[in-house]
Amino acid sequence: MLGFPSNDFMGQEPGSEEQIQEFCTLTYGVKFPMFEKVQVRGSGATPLYQELAAATGEAPGWNFHKYLLDREGKVVASFGSRTTPDDPKLVAAIEKLLDAPVPATPDRGR
């Protein structure tokens, strides 16, 4: 899990990275890495979000949009902001990916 704050949604993230981290930790109990504030929509979206939107056909419509990637970094699903972290469909999709075999790579096992 990685978090990318954005002020693209009616100015909901106007603070500094430190303020956003504190708010997310105290309000939502966030324990995953939070990155610097980025633009996630429109022509100014960061390259990461441009690629995620292109791969899924869905740009974030509001805060807390979720993209699910497999172990190799391939985008496999997109969940809108109304999907809660404990939503059964999201949890099932994550568990399915976690249960999948780890892809073999030439340097594994050395």
N, C-alpha and C. Protein backbone atom coordinates (compact mmCIF):
# COMPACT_ATOMS: atom_id res chain seq x y z
N MET A 1 0.85 -1.16 0.00
CA MET A 1 0.00 0.00 0.00
C MET A 1 0.90 1.23 0.00
N LEU A 2 0.58 2.14 -0.88
CA LEU A 2 1.31 3.41 -0.99
C LEU A 2 0.28 4.52 -1.11
N GLY A 3 0.53 5.65 -0.48
CA GLY A 3 -0.38 6.77 -0.54
C GLY A 3 0.24 7.96 -1.24
N PHE A 4 -0.54 8.57 -2.14
CA PHE A 4 -0.09 9.75 -2.87
C PHE A 4 -1.12 10.86 -2.66
N PRO A 5 -0.89 11.76 -1.71
CA PRO A 5 -1.84 12.86 -1.50
C PRO A 5 -1.95 13.74 -2.75
N SER A 6 -3.14 14.30 -2.92
CA SER A 6 -3.37 15.20 -4.04
C SER A 6 -4.32 16.30 -3.60
N ASN A 7 -4.07 17.49 -4.11
CA ASN A 7 -4.94 18.62 -3.83
C ASN A 7 -5.89 18.87 -5.00
N ASP A 8 -6.07 17.86 -5.85
CA ASP A 8 -6.90 17.98 -7.05
C ASP A 8 -8.40 17.97 -6.76
N PHE A 9 -8.79 17.69 -5.53
CA PHE A 9 -10.20 17.47 -5.23
C PHE A 9 -10.72 18.53 -4.26
N MET A 10 -11.08 19.66 -4.81
CA MET A 10 -11.65 20.78 -4.07
C MET A 10 -10.74 21.24 -2.92
N GLY A 11 -9.44 21.17 -3.14
CA GLY A 11 -8.49 21.69 -2.17
C GLY A 11 -8.44 20.94 -0.85
N GLN A 12 -8.73 19.64 -0.87
CA GLN A 12 -8.76 18.88 0.38
C GLN A 12 -7.39 18.61 0.99
N GLU A 13 -6.33 18.79 0.26
CA GLU A 13 -4.98 18.51 0.77
C GLU A 13 -4.09 19.75 0.62
N PRO A 14 -4.44 20.86 1.27
CA PRO A 14 -3.65 22.08 1.09
C PRO A 14 -2.35 22.11 1.89
N GLY A 15 -2.22 21.22 2.87
CA GLY A 15 -1.08 21.27 3.78
C GLY A 15 0.21 20.73 3.20
N SER A 16 1.24 20.79 4.04
CA SER A 16 2.54 20.24 3.68
C SER A 16 2.50 18.72 3.78
N GLU A 17 3.54 18.07 3.28
CA GLU A 17 3.61 16.61 3.38
C GLU A 17 3.53 16.17 4.84
N GLU A 18 4.21 16.90 5.73
CA GLU A 18 4.20 16.55 7.15
C GLU A 18 2.80 16.68 7.74
N GLN A 19 2.09 17.74 7.38
CA GLN A 19 0.72 17.93 7.89
C GLN A 19 -0.21 16.84 7.36
N ILE A 20 -0.07 16.50 6.10
CA ILE A 20 -0.91 15.46 5.50
C ILE A 20 -0.63 14.12 6.16
N GLN A 21 0.64 13.79 6.37
CA GLN A 21 1.02 12.53 7.03
C GLN A 21 0.41 12.46 8.42
N GLU A 22 0.52 13.55 9.18
CA GLU A 22 -0.03 13.57 10.54
C GLU A 22 -1.55 13.40 10.51
N PHE A 23 -2.23 14.11 9.61
CA PHE A 23 -3.68 14.00 9.50
C PHE A 23 -4.10 12.57 9.16
N CYS A 24 -3.45 11.97 8.17
CA CYS A 24 -3.81 10.61 7.75
C CYS A 24 -3.53 9.59 8.85
N THR A 25 -2.45 9.79 9.59
CA THR A 25 -2.11 8.88 10.68
C THR A 25 -3.13 8.99 11.81
N LEU A 26 -3.42 10.23 12.22
CA LEU A 26 -4.34 10.44 13.35
C LEU A 26 -5.79 10.16 12.99
N THR A 27 -6.20 10.52 11.78
CA THR A 27 -7.60 10.38 11.39
C THR A 27 -7.95 8.99 10.88
N TYR A 28 -7.05 8.40 10.08
CA TYR A 28 -7.35 7.13 9.43
C TYR A 28 -6.46 5.98 9.90
N GLY A 29 -5.50 6.24 10.77
CA GLY A 29 -4.61 5.18 11.24
C GLY A 29 -3.67 4.67 10.17
N VAL A 30 -3.34 5.52 9.20
CA VAL A 30 -2.47 5.14 8.09
C VAL A 30 -1.09 4.74 8.61
N LYS A 31 -0.64 3.56 8.17
CA LYS A 31 0.69 3.08 8.55
C LYS A 31 1.55 2.77 7.33
N PHE A 32 1.00 2.99 6.15
CA PHE A 32 1.75 2.73 4.92
C PHE A 32 2.48 3.99 4.48
N PRO A 33 3.47 3.85 3.60
CA PRO A 33 4.23 5.02 3.14
C PRO A 33 3.35 6.05 2.43
N MET A 34 3.57 7.30 2.78
CA MET A 34 2.89 8.42 2.13
C MET A 34 3.95 9.20 1.37
N PHE A 35 3.68 9.50 0.13
CA PHE A 35 4.62 10.21 -0.72
C PHE A 35 4.27 11.69 -0.80
N GLU A 36 5.08 12.44 -1.54
CA GLU A 36 4.79 13.87 -1.67
C GLU A 36 3.50 14.08 -2.44
N LYS A 37 2.92 15.24 -2.24
CA LYS A 37 1.67 15.60 -2.91
C LYS A 37 1.90 15.66 -4.42
N VAL A 38 0.98 15.07 -5.18
CA VAL A 38 1.11 15.03 -6.63
C VAL A 38 -0.23 15.39 -7.27
N GLN A 39 -0.16 15.72 -8.55
CA GLN A 39 -1.37 15.93 -9.34
C GLN A 39 -1.74 14.58 -9.94
N VAL A 40 -3.01 14.20 -9.82
CA VAL A 40 -3.43 12.88 -10.29
C VAL A 40 -4.45 12.92 -11.42
N ARG A 41 -4.91 14.12 -11.77
CA ARG A 41 -5.92 14.23 -12.83
C ARG A 41 -5.50 15.24 -13.88
N GLY A 42 -6.06 15.07 -15.05
CA GLY A 42 -5.87 16.04 -16.11
C GLY A 42 -4.50 15.97 -16.77
N SER A 43 -4.23 16.97 -17.61
CA SER A 43 -3.00 16.98 -18.39
C SER A 43 -1.76 17.16 -17.52
N GLY A 44 -1.92 17.67 -16.31
CA GLY A 44 -0.79 17.85 -15.41
C GLY A 44 -0.55 16.68 -14.48
N ALA A 45 -1.29 15.60 -14.67
CA ALA A 45 -1.11 14.42 -13.80
C ALA A 45 0.31 13.90 -13.93
N THR A 46 0.84 13.40 -12.83
CA THR A 46 2.18 12.82 -12.86
C THR A 46 2.20 11.63 -13.82
N PRO A 47 3.36 11.29 -14.35
CA PRO A 47 3.45 10.15 -15.26
C PRO A 47 2.88 8.86 -14.67
N LEU A 48 3.08 8.63 -13.38
CA LEU A 48 2.52 7.43 -12.74
C LEU A 48 1.01 7.39 -12.91
N TYR A 49 0.34 8.48 -12.60
CA TYR A 49 -1.12 8.50 -12.70
C TYR A 49 -1.60 8.53 -14.15
N GLN A 50 -0.84 9.10 -15.04
CA GLN A 50 -1.19 9.02 -16.46
C GLN A 50 -1.18 7.55 -16.91
N GLU A 51 -0.16 6.81 -16.49
CA GLU A 51 -0.05 5.39 -16.87
C GLU A 51 -1.16 4.56 -16.22
N LEU A 52 -1.44 4.81 -14.94
CA LEU A 52 -2.49 4.06 -14.25
C LEU A 52 -3.84 4.30 -14.91
N ALA A 53 -4.13 5.56 -15.23
CA ALA A 53 -5.40 5.89 -15.88
C ALA A 53 -5.48 5.26 -17.27
N ALA A 54 -4.37 5.27 -18.00
CA ALA A 54 -4.37 4.67 -19.34
C ALA A 54 -4.57 3.16 -19.26
N ALA A 55 -3.95 2.53 -18.28
CA ALA A 55 -4.03 1.07 -18.15
C ALA A 55 -5.43 0.61 -17.75
N THR A 56 -6.14 1.42 -16.96
CA THR A 56 -7.45 1.00 -16.46
C THR A 56 -8.62 1.70 -17.14
N GLY A 57 -8.33 2.81 -17.82
CA GLY A 57 -9.41 3.61 -18.38
C GLY A 57 -10.12 4.45 -17.34
N GLU A 58 -9.53 4.53 -16.12
CA GLU A 58 -10.14 5.28 -15.03
C GLU A 58 -9.13 6.20 -14.36
N ALA A 59 -9.37 7.49 -14.43
CA ALA A 59 -8.60 8.45 -13.64
C ALA A 59 -9.33 8.62 -12.32
N PRO A 60 -8.62 8.95 -11.26
CA PRO A 60 -9.30 9.17 -9.98
C PRO A 60 -10.39 10.23 -10.11
N GLY A 61 -11.58 9.90 -9.61
CA GLY A 61 -12.68 10.85 -9.62
C GLY A 61 -12.75 11.64 -8.33
N TRP A 62 -12.09 11.10 -7.29
CA TRP A 62 -12.06 11.74 -5.98
C TRP A 62 -10.94 11.10 -5.19
N ASN A 63 -10.66 11.67 -4.01
CA ASN A 63 -9.62 11.11 -3.14
C ASN A 63 -9.90 9.64 -2.82
N PHE A 64 -8.86 8.94 -2.46
CA PHE A 64 -8.91 7.54 -2.04
C PHE A 64 -9.24 6.58 -3.17
N HIS A 65 -8.93 6.96 -4.40
CA HIS A 65 -9.03 6.03 -5.52
C HIS A 65 -7.92 4.99 -5.33
N LYS A 66 -8.22 3.75 -5.67
CA LYS A 66 -7.25 2.67 -5.45
C LYS A 66 -6.95 1.93 -6.74
N TYR A 67 -5.66 1.73 -7.02
CA TYR A 67 -5.23 0.90 -8.14
C TYR A 67 -4.54 -0.31 -7.54
N LEU A 68 -4.84 -1.48 -8.07
CA LEU A 68 -4.25 -2.72 -7.59
C LEU A 68 -3.30 -3.25 -8.64
N LEU A 69 -2.07 -3.51 -8.21
CA LEU A 69 -1.03 -4.03 -9.11
C LEU A 69 -0.61 -5.41 -8.65
N ASP A 70 -0.20 -6.24 -9.61
CA ASP A 70 0.29 -7.57 -9.23
C ASP A 70 1.76 -7.49 -8.83
N ARG A 71 2.35 -8.63 -8.54
CA ARG A 71 3.73 -8.67 -8.06
C ARG A 71 4.74 -8.16 -9.10
N GLU A 72 4.33 -8.18 -10.36
CA GLU A 72 5.24 -7.72 -11.42
C GLU A 72 4.98 -6.27 -11.80
N GLY A 73 4.07 -5.61 -11.10
CA GLY A 73 3.80 -4.21 -11.35
C GLY A 73 2.74 -3.95 -12.41
N LYS A 74 2.07 -4.99 -12.88
CA LYS A 74 1.00 -4.83 -13.87
C LYS A 74 -0.28 -4.41 -13.16
N VAL A 75 -0.95 -3.39 -13.70
CA VAL A 75 -2.20 -2.92 -13.13
C VAL A 75 -3.28 -3.96 -13.44
N VAL A 76 -3.95 -4.45 -12.40
CA VAL A 76 -4.96 -5.48 -12.59
C VAL A 76 -6.37 -5.01 -12.25
N ALA A 77 -6.50 -3.91 -11.50
CA ALA A 77 -7.84 -3.44 -11.14
C ALA A 77 -7.78 -1.99 -10.68
N SER A 78 -8.96 -1.37 -10.72
CA SER A 78 -9.12 0.00 -10.25
C SER A 78 -10.38 0.04 -9.41
N PHE A 79 -10.29 0.69 -8.25
CA PHE A 79 -11.43 0.80 -7.34
C PHE A 79 -11.62 2.27 -7.00
N GLY A 80 -12.82 2.76 -7.18
CA GLY A 80 -13.11 4.16 -6.92
C GLY A 80 -13.09 4.50 -5.44
N SER A 81 -13.24 5.77 -5.16
CA SER A 81 -13.14 6.27 -3.79
C SER A 81 -14.24 5.75 -2.87
N ARG A 82 -15.34 5.33 -3.42
CA ARG A 82 -16.43 4.81 -2.59
C ARG A 82 -16.16 3.38 -2.12
N THR A 83 -15.17 2.74 -2.71
CA THR A 83 -14.79 1.40 -2.27
C THR A 83 -13.96 1.54 -1.00
N THR A 84 -14.46 1.00 0.09
CA THR A 84 -13.74 1.09 1.36
C THR A 84 -12.62 0.05 1.40
N PRO A 85 -11.61 0.27 2.25
CA PRO A 85 -10.50 -0.68 2.32
C PRO A 85 -10.92 -2.10 2.71
N ASP A 86 -12.05 -2.23 3.40
CA ASP A 86 -12.51 -3.57 3.80
C ASP A 86 -13.61 -4.11 2.90
N ASP A 87 -13.83 -3.48 1.76
CA ASP A 87 -14.84 -3.96 0.81
C ASP A 87 -14.50 -5.39 0.39
N PRO A 88 -15.47 -6.31 0.44
CA PRO A 88 -15.20 -7.71 0.11
C PRO A 88 -14.58 -7.94 -1.27
N LYS A 89 -14.99 -7.16 -2.27
CA LYS A 89 -14.41 -7.33 -3.61
C LYS A 89 -12.94 -6.92 -3.65
N LEU A 90 -12.62 -5.83 -2.98
CA LEU A 90 -11.23 -5.36 -2.91
C LEU A 90 -10.39 -6.37 -2.12
N VAL A 91 -10.87 -6.80 -0.98
CA VAL A 91 -10.14 -7.76 -0.15
C VAL A 91 -9.91 -9.05 -0.93
N ALA A 92 -10.94 -9.54 -1.61
CA ALA A 92 -10.80 -10.78 -2.39
C ALA A 92 -9.77 -10.63 -3.50
N ALA A 93 -9.77 -9.47 -4.17
CA ALA A 93 -8.80 -9.23 -5.25
C ALA A 93 -7.38 -9.21 -4.70
N ILE A 94 -7.18 -8.59 -3.55
CA ILE A 94 -5.85 -8.55 -2.92
C ILE A 94 -5.43 -9.95 -2.50
N GLU A 95 -6.33 -10.68 -1.85
CA GLU A 95 -5.99 -12.04 -1.40
C GLU A 95 -5.66 -12.95 -2.57
N LYS A 96 -6.37 -12.79 -3.67
CA LYS A 96 -6.09 -13.61 -4.86
C LYS A 96 -4.67 -13.34 -5.36
N LEU A 97 -4.28 -12.07 -5.39
CA LEU A 97 -2.93 -11.73 -5.84
C LEU A 97 -1.87 -12.22 -4.85
N LEU A 98 -2.16 -12.15 -3.56
CA LEU A 98 -1.21 -12.62 -2.56
C LEU A 98 -1.04 -14.13 -2.59
N ASP A 99 -2.11 -14.84 -2.98
CA ASP A 99 -2.06 -16.30 -3.07
C ASP A 99 -1.40 -16.80 -4.36
N ALA A 100 -1.26 -15.91 -5.35
CA ALA A 100 -0.66 -16.31 -6.63
C ALA A 100 0.82 -16.64 -6.42
N PRO A 101 1.31 -17.59 -7.20
CA PRO A 101 2.73 -17.94 -7.07
C PRO A 101 3.63 -16.75 -7.39
N VAL A 102 4.74 -16.69 -6.71
CA VAL A 102 5.72 -15.64 -6.95
C VAL A 102 6.42 -15.97 -8.26
N PRO A 103 6.47 -15.03 -9.21
CA PRO A 103 7.12 -15.30 -10.50
C PRO A 103 8.61 -15.60 -10.31
N ALA A 104 9.10 -16.55 -11.06
CA ALA A 104 10.51 -16.90 -11.00
C ALA A 104 11.32 -15.81 -11.69
N THR A 105 12.44 -15.47 -11.10
CA THR A 105 13.37 -14.54 -11.71
C THR A 105 14.75 -15.15 -11.66
N PRO A 106 15.61 -14.78 -12.57
CA PRO A 106 16.95 -15.40 -12.65
C PRO A 106 17.77 -15.28 -11.37
N ASP A 107 17.59 -14.20 -10.59
CA ASP A 107 18.45 -14.02 -9.42
C ASP A 107 17.81 -14.48 -8.11
N ARG A 108 16.58 -15.03 -8.16
CA ARG A 108 15.97 -15.52 -6.92
C ARG A 108 16.64 -16.79 -6.48
N GLY A 109 16.79 -16.94 -5.20
CA GLY A 109 17.36 -18.16 -4.66
C GLY A 109 18.87 -18.14 -4.58
N ARG A 110 19.50 -17.05 -4.95
CA ARG A 110 20.96 -16.97 -4.86
C ARG A 110 21.40 -16.54 -3.51
